[in-house]
Amino acid sequence: MRNVIGELLLSKVINENDVAALNRHGISREMFPVASERDAYDFIIHYSRTNEGNAPSFATVIDNVPEFDYIPNTEDSFTYLSKELKKKKFQVEQANFINNKLSDLWNEADKANDPEGFANDIIKAFEEMKHSNRISGKAGHLLEHAGDWYLEEFYKRKEGKSIRFWKSHFEGLNDIIGGGYQESNMITWYGRSGRGKSTITLMEGLEAAYQGANVLFWVLEMPKYEFASRALSFISAKEKLKNSVIDGVDYLAGFSVYDLTKASFKTVDEEQSFVDFVMKLNTVLEGSITIRAIDDEDFIDRSVRALERDIVESEADVVIVDPAYYMDYEKNT
C-alpha cells in the first residue's frame, strides 16, 4: 500500500494556504521519503518566500513538480499528519540502522572485546533518532492555565510525592539554603586544594544516607579503602561509639582514620569493637551508600553516560563526584 502521508500533508498546506504549519509542527525537507514530495516541499517553501508567505495553488505545484500527486480531500489535522510523517521517518531510520549499521557496530565491538561499548553505541544511535523525530504536542505551558498543571505539582510536593529536600549536616547551611538541598539540583563545591571540599561532600553524602537516600559516590582520586575509612570514621563519630580525651577534655569521637588506614588498633577490644560496628552497618543507615573508586578494576569509563548508567543501577537519589574535573567529558555534552 502506497504511503500518502507526505502528499496529504503538503496538499493540506496548499488547500489551507498555511505554509507556516510546516514550521509549527517541526516538518523539514528530509522527513519526506519520496523525491517528488521533497521537490514539492522545496517549491512550496520557495514560492512562499517570494509571495508574502502564501502557498501556491495546486495547479502551480503540479505544473512545476509533475510527479507530485495532489490530494484534494485533506480533512485530517496538521497535528495528526505531522505525527504520522515523523513516525514513518523514524521507522525507516530504524530499519536502515538495523539492516545496514548494526552488524558493523557489532563487528567493531567484537574485535575490541567491548560488549558494553556496543550497547552504548546502540543506545546513543536510537536516542539520536528519537530526538530528531520527536513527536510531541504543543510546546510549553500557559501560566494563565496554572490551575491545570501547577497545582497538581504543588500538592505532590506537599504530600512528599515529588521533589524531596535532603538536609545538610550543617544546621547553619540548612537555614541559608531554605531547609536543605533540593532534589534534582546540581551543587558545586570549589576552593583551593586542602581546604576540605572532600570532607564536606563526604559528610553531606553520609547525612543524606542517614535520611534514607541511596547515595552514589564517584571517588576519582582516592582508593575505596581510604575513602571507606573516612566514611566509617565519620559514621562511628555520629553514632557516638568512642570517647577521646584531648587536653584533659572528654570528647565524643569516632574511630581514628589513622588507625583504620594502618589497620592497627591499640587494643584487641578496640579492634573488636570496630569489627562489630562494621558488621552492623546495615542497621545504622536508613539509606545506602555505593562507592565507585579509582582502584575498581571495572571503573574504566568515567563519562557522563557511564555515570548515568551507575545512577540507574544504584537507584541513586544523591550523587557526589569528587573531583568532577577527573571525569571523561564527551564533546558538547
Protein backbone atom coordinates (compact mmCIF):
# COMPACT_ATOMS: atom_id res chain seq x y z
CA MET A 1 0.00 0.00 0.00
CA ARG A 2 1.38 3.38 -1.04
CA ASN A 3 2.19 5.77 1.80
CA VAL A 4 0.37 9.04 1.17
CA ILE A 5 1.05 10.88 4.44
CA GLY A 6 3.61 13.22 2.87
CA GLU A 7 1.30 14.01 -0.05
CA LEU A 8 -1.64 14.58 2.32
CA LEU A 9 0.35 17.00 4.47
CA LEU A 10 1.66 19.07 1.55
CA SER A 11 -1.77 19.04 -0.10
CA LYS A 12 -3.32 20.35 3.13
CA VAL A 13 -0.73 23.18 3.18
CA ILE A 14 -1.86 24.09 -0.34
CA ASN A 15 -5.59 23.73 0.38
CA GLU A 16 -5.48 25.86 3.56
CA ASN A 17 -2.80 28.28 2.36
CA ASP A 18 -0.83 27.65 5.56
CA VAL A 19 2.85 27.21 4.80
CA ALA A 20 3.71 28.22 8.38
CA ALA A 21 2.13 24.96 9.58
CA LEU A 22 5.26 23.13 8.41
CA ASN A 23 7.40 25.13 10.81
CA ARG A 24 4.85 24.98 13.64
CA HIS A 25 4.92 21.19 13.56
CA GLY A 26 8.67 20.80 13.03
CA ILE A 27 8.44 19.47 9.49
CA SER A 28 11.63 19.67 7.43
CA ARG A 29 12.60 18.54 3.94
CA GLU A 30 14.38 15.32 4.96
CA MET A 31 11.22 13.97 6.61
CA PHE A 32 9.63 13.28 3.23
CA PRO A 33 10.64 9.81 1.97
CA VAL A 34 9.79 10.36 -1.72
CA ALA A 35 11.79 12.57 -4.10
CA SER A 36 8.65 14.14 -5.61
CA GLU A 37 7.45 15.13 -2.12
CA ARG A 38 10.80 16.73 -1.35
CA ASP A 39 10.66 18.62 -4.64
CA ALA A 40 7.12 19.80 -3.88
CA TYR A 41 8.22 20.89 -0.39
CA ASP A 42 11.11 22.88 -1.89
CA PHE A 43 8.83 24.58 -4.41
CA ILE A 44 6.19 25.46 -1.78
CA ILE A 45 8.80 26.98 0.54
CA HIS A 46 10.43 28.93 -2.29
CA TYR A 47 7.07 30.19 -3.56
CA SER A 48 6.02 31.25 -0.06
CA ARG A 49 9.20 33.26 0.49
CA THR A 50 8.65 35.23 -2.71
CA ASN A 51 4.87 35.64 -2.42
CA GLU A 52 4.25 37.16 1.02
CA GLY A 53 4.03 33.81 2.81
CA ASN A 54 1.26 32.39 0.63
CA ALA A 55 1.12 28.84 -0.66
CA PRO A 56 0.96 28.17 -4.41
CA SER A 57 -2.19 26.75 -5.96
CA PHE A 58 -2.34 23.01 -6.60
CA ALA A 59 -2.20 23.69 -10.35
CA THR A 60 1.03 25.70 -9.97
CA VAL A 61 2.62 22.96 -7.87
CA ILE A 62 1.69 20.23 -10.37
CA ASP A 63 2.93 22.39 -13.21
CA ASN A 64 6.34 22.72 -11.53
CA VAL A 65 6.50 19.23 -9.96
CA PRO A 66 4.54 16.91 -12.31
CA GLU A 67 5.45 13.79 -10.26
CA PHE A 68 3.68 15.10 -7.16
CA ASP A 69 0.26 13.52 -6.50
CA TYR A 70 -2.01 16.27 -5.22
CA ILE A 71 -4.91 15.16 -2.95
CA PRO A 72 -7.97 17.47 -2.87
CA ASN A 73 -9.59 15.99 0.25
CA THR A 74 -7.41 16.72 3.31
CA GLU A 75 -9.65 16.64 6.37
CA ASP A 76 -7.04 15.19 8.77
CA SER A 77 -5.41 17.73 11.09
CA PHE A 78 -1.87 19.05 10.70
CA THR A 79 -1.04 17.53 14.10
CA TYR A 80 -2.10 14.04 13.06
CA LEU A 81 -0.39 14.18 9.67
CA SER A 82 2.83 15.57 11.16
CA LYS A 83 2.95 12.83 13.81
CA GLU A 84 2.36 10.12 11.21
CA LEU A 85 5.05 11.53 8.92
CA LYS A 86 7.58 11.56 11.79
CA LYS A 87 6.64 8.00 12.76
CA LYS A 88 7.26 6.80 9.20
CA LYS A 89 10.63 8.53 9.08
CA PHE A 90 11.55 7.04 12.47
CA GLN A 91 10.62 3.55 11.22
CA VAL A 92 12.71 3.99 8.06
CA GLU A 93 15.73 5.15 10.08
CA GLN A 94 15.36 2.23 12.50
CA ALA A 95 15.19 -0.27 9.66
CA ASN A 96 18.19 1.32 7.94
CA PHE A 97 20.21 1.17 11.16
CA ILE A 98 19.33 -2.46 11.87
CA ASN A 99 19.90 -3.62 8.28
CA ASN A 100 23.00 -1.58 7.39
CA LYS A 101 24.81 -0.34 10.52
CA LEU A 102 24.13 -2.75 13.36
CA SER A 103 26.39 -5.51 12.05
CA ASP A 104 29.31 -3.07 11.60
CA LEU A 105 28.99 -1.88 15.19
CA TRP A 106 28.86 -5.47 16.38
CA ASN A 107 31.98 -6.44 14.43
CA GLU A 108 33.91 -3.46 15.80
CA ALA A 109 32.85 -4.20 19.37
CA ASP A 110 33.60 -7.90 18.95
CA LYS A 111 37.15 -7.16 17.77
CA ALA A 112 37.69 -4.79 20.68
CA ASN A 113 36.02 -7.21 23.14
CA ASP A 114 33.79 -4.36 24.20
CA PRO A 115 30.17 -5.53 24.62
CA GLU A 116 29.41 -2.57 26.86
CA GLY A 117 30.59 -0.17 24.16
CA PHE A 118 28.35 -1.96 21.67
CA ALA A 119 25.34 -1.46 23.95
CA ASN A 120 26.24 2.21 24.49
CA ASP A 121 26.54 2.79 20.73
CA ILE A 122 23.10 1.28 20.12
CA ILE A 123 21.51 3.35 22.88
CA LYS A 124 23.16 6.52 21.57
CA ALA A 125 22.04 5.85 17.99
CA PHE A 126 18.42 5.28 18.97
CA GLU A 127 18.41 8.28 21.29
CA GLU A 128 19.61 10.47 18.41
CA MET A 129 16.95 9.05 16.10
CA LYS A 130 14.28 9.53 18.75
CA HIS A 131 15.34 13.14 19.34
CA SER A 132 15.40 14.03 15.65
CA ASN A 133 11.91 12.53 15.22
CA ARG A 134 10.46 13.95 18.43
CA ILE A 135 6.69 13.68 18.48
CA SER A 136 5.05 15.99 20.97
CA GLY A 137 2.08 18.23 21.46
CA LYS A 138 2.05 21.97 21.99
CA ALA A 139 5.30 23.29 23.40
CA GLY A 140 5.34 24.88 26.85
CA HIS A 141 2.62 25.57 29.41
CA LEU A 142 0.42 28.65 29.71
CA LEU A 143 0.80 30.38 33.06
CA GLU A 144 -2.82 31.53 32.98
CA HIS A 145 -3.74 27.83 32.93
CA ALA A 146 -1.66 27.13 36.05
CA GLY A 147 -4.73 25.61 37.66
CA ASP A 148 -4.40 22.69 35.22
CA TRP A 149 -0.74 21.83 35.81
CA TYR A 150 0.87 23.89 38.60
CA LEU A 151 -1.48 22.88 41.40
CA GLU A 152 -1.03 19.20 40.55
CA GLU A 153 2.70 19.52 41.23
CA PHE A 154 2.02 21.75 44.26
CA TYR A 155 0.03 19.04 46.04
CA LYS A 156 2.52 16.34 45.06
CA ARG A 157 5.25 18.33 46.76
CA LYS A 158 3.05 18.99 49.77
CA GLU A 159 2.50 15.25 50.19
CA GLY A 160 6.19 14.43 49.65
CA LYS A 161 5.48 12.58 46.41
CA SER A 162 7.54 14.78 44.12
CA ILE A 163 10.65 16.84 44.89
CA ARG A 164 12.43 15.96 48.13
CA PHE A 165 14.80 18.00 50.25
CA TRP A 166 17.89 16.50 51.89
CA LYS A 167 19.05 18.33 55.00
CA SER A 168 22.68 19.39 55.26
CA HIS A 169 24.94 18.08 58.01
CA PHE A 170 25.49 21.73 58.91
CA GLU A 171 22.47 23.36 60.57
CA GLY A 172 23.56 26.87 59.63
CA LEU A 173 23.66 25.86 55.97
CA ASN A 174 20.11 24.49 56.17
CA ASP A 175 18.94 27.93 57.27
CA ILE A 176 20.76 29.62 54.40
CA ILE A 177 19.56 27.32 51.59
CA GLY A 178 15.95 27.09 52.70
CA GLY A 179 15.79 23.83 54.63
CA GLY A 180 18.17 21.62 52.69
CA TYR A 181 19.33 20.56 49.24
CA GLN A 182 16.53 20.29 46.69
CA GLU A 183 16.37 17.09 44.71
CA SER A 184 17.36 17.43 41.02
CA ASN A 185 19.70 20.38 41.67
CA MET A 186 23.42 20.26 40.97
CA ILE A 187 25.67 21.78 43.65
CA THR A 188 29.35 22.56 43.05
CA TRP A 189 31.85 22.98 45.87
CA TYR A 190 35.06 24.73 44.91
CA GLY A 191 38.14 26.09 46.65
CA ARG A 192 41.88 25.72 46.89
CA SER A 193 43.46 22.33 47.46
CA GLY A 194 43.35 21.11 51.04
CA ARG A 195 40.51 23.36 52.15
CA GLY A 196 38.14 20.47 52.99
CA LYS A 197 35.96 20.02 49.89
CA SER A 198 36.15 16.23 50.02
CA THR A 199 35.45 16.18 53.75
CA ILE A 200 32.40 18.41 53.38
CA THR A 201 30.93 16.46 50.46
CA LEU A 202 31.55 13.16 52.27
CA MET A 203 29.70 14.41 55.35
CA GLU A 204 26.82 15.70 53.22
CA GLY A 205 26.53 12.37 51.43
CA LEU A 206 26.53 10.44 54.70
CA GLU A 207 23.90 12.77 56.11
CA ALA A 208 21.64 12.09 53.11
CA ALA A 209 22.10 8.34 53.60
CA TYR A 210 21.01 8.74 57.23
CA GLN A 211 17.83 10.38 55.90
CA GLY A 212 17.08 7.41 53.65
CA ALA A 213 18.76 8.44 50.40
CA ASN A 214 20.54 6.00 48.13
CA VAL A 215 23.88 7.77 47.74
CA LEU A 216 26.36 7.15 44.93
CA PHE A 217 29.95 8.31 45.41
CA TRP A 218 32.21 8.58 42.37
CA VAL A 219 35.61 8.80 44.09
CA LEU A 220 38.07 9.80 41.38
CA GLU A 221 41.29 10.41 43.31
CA MET A 222 41.19 8.02 46.27
CA PRO A 223 41.16 4.19 46.61
CA LYS A 224 37.98 2.74 48.06
CA TYR A 225 39.66 1.55 51.26
CA GLU A 226 40.91 5.02 52.14
CA PHE A 227 37.57 6.59 51.28
CA ALA A 228 35.66 3.97 53.27
CA SER A 229 38.00 4.58 56.23
CA ARG A 230 37.00 8.23 56.28
CA ALA A 231 33.34 7.36 55.92
CA LEU A 232 33.43 4.77 58.72
CA SER A 233 35.23 7.20 61.00
CA PHE A 234 32.54 9.84 60.46
CA ILE A 235 29.69 7.34 60.91
CA SER A 236 31.19 5.97 64.13
CA ALA A 237 31.54 9.53 65.44
CA LYS A 238 27.91 10.25 64.59
CA GLU A 239 26.94 7.08 66.41
CA LYS A 240 28.99 8.25 69.42
CA LEU A 241 30.83 4.94 69.65
CA LYS A 242 34.04 6.20 71.19
CA ASN A 243 35.35 8.83 73.57
CA SER A 244 38.53 10.78 73.01
CA VAL A 245 40.42 12.84 75.59
CA ILE A 246 42.11 15.96 74.22
CA ASP A 247 43.95 18.27 76.62
CA GLY A 248 42.09 16.71 79.50
CA VAL A 249 38.66 17.21 77.90
CA ASP A 250 36.48 14.20 77.08
CA TYR A 251 35.05 14.40 73.53
CA LEU A 252 32.70 12.07 71.69
CA ALA A 253 34.60 10.86 68.62
CA GLY A 254 34.82 8.11 66.05
CA PHE A 255 37.43 5.53 65.18
CA SER A 256 40.65 7.15 64.06
CA VAL A 257 41.19 7.37 60.29
CA TYR A 258 44.88 6.87 61.02
CA ASP A 259 44.20 3.59 62.85
CA LEU A 260 41.87 2.39 60.08
CA THR A 261 44.35 3.27 57.33
CA LYS A 262 47.10 1.32 59.12
CA ALA A 263 44.61 -1.44 60.09
CA SER A 264 46.07 -1.25 63.59
CA PHE A 265 44.37 -0.57 66.93
CA LYS A 266 46.00 -0.04 70.30
CA THR A 267 43.96 -2.82 71.93
CA VAL A 268 42.23 -6.03 70.89
CA ASP A 269 38.99 -4.81 72.46
CA GLU A 270 39.04 -1.63 70.37
CA GLU A 271 39.60 -3.66 67.21
CA GLN A 272 36.73 -5.99 68.08
CA SER A 273 34.50 -3.00 68.77
CA PHE A 274 35.29 -1.69 65.30
CA VAL A 275 34.61 -5.06 63.64
CA ASP A 276 31.25 -5.31 65.44
CA PHE A 277 30.40 -1.80 64.25
CA VAL A 278 31.20 -2.64 60.61
CA MET A 279 29.16 -5.85 60.72
CA LYS A 280 26.08 -3.91 61.88
CA LEU A 281 26.34 -1.04 59.39
CA ASN A 282 23.20 -2.14 57.58
CA THR A 283 21.21 -1.32 60.72
CA VAL A 284 22.76 2.14 61.08
CA LEU A 285 21.88 3.79 57.75
CA GLU A 286 18.30 4.19 56.60
CA GLY A 287 19.52 4.59 53.01
CA SER A 288 22.52 3.10 51.22
CA ILE A 289 25.99 4.13 50.03
CA THR A 290 27.53 2.89 46.78
CA ILE A 291 31.24 3.60 46.21
CA ARG A 292 32.92 3.68 42.80
CA ALA A 293 36.61 4.40 43.34
CA ILE A 294 39.72 4.68 41.19
CA ASP A 295 41.04 1.23 42.14
CA ASP A 296 37.89 -0.60 40.99
CA GLU A 297 39.07 -2.77 38.09
CA ASP A 298 35.86 -2.23 36.13
CA PHE A 299 35.86 1.54 36.68
CA ILE A 300 37.35 2.44 33.30
CA ASP A 301 34.63 4.52 31.68
CA ARG A 302 34.20 7.76 33.64
CA SER A 303 31.98 9.55 31.14
CA VAL A 304 28.64 11.26 31.68
CA ARG A 305 26.93 8.26 30.09
CA ALA A 306 28.67 5.85 32.47
CA LEU A 307 27.65 7.98 35.44
CA GLU A 308 24.06 7.94 34.21
CA ARG A 309 24.19 4.13 33.99
CA ASP A 310 25.55 3.85 37.55
CA ILE A 311 22.83 6.19 38.80
CA VAL A 312 20.16 3.96 37.26
CA GLU A 313 21.74 0.72 38.52
CA SER A 314 22.21 2.00 42.08
CA GLU A 315 18.83 3.80 42.08
CA ALA A 316 20.69 6.80 43.44
CA ASP A 317 18.86 9.76 44.95
CA VAL A 318 22.05 11.71 45.69
CA VAL A 319 25.25 11.61 43.64
CA ILE A 320 28.63 13.02 44.64
CA VAL A 321 31.50 13.19 42.14
CA ASP A 322 34.86 14.03 43.73
CA PRO A 323 36.52 15.70 41.90
CA ALA A 324 34.35 16.33 38.84
CA TYR A 325 37.30 17.51 36.70
CA TYR A 326 38.63 13.91 36.57
CA MET A 327 35.57 12.79 34.61
CA ASP A 328 35.89 11.99 30.89
CA TYR A 329 33.87 14.67 29.16
CA GLU A 330 32.47 13.95 25.72
CA LYS A 331 32.40 16.87 23.31
CA ASN A 332 29.34 19.11 23.61
CA THR A 333 27.67 17.08 26.38
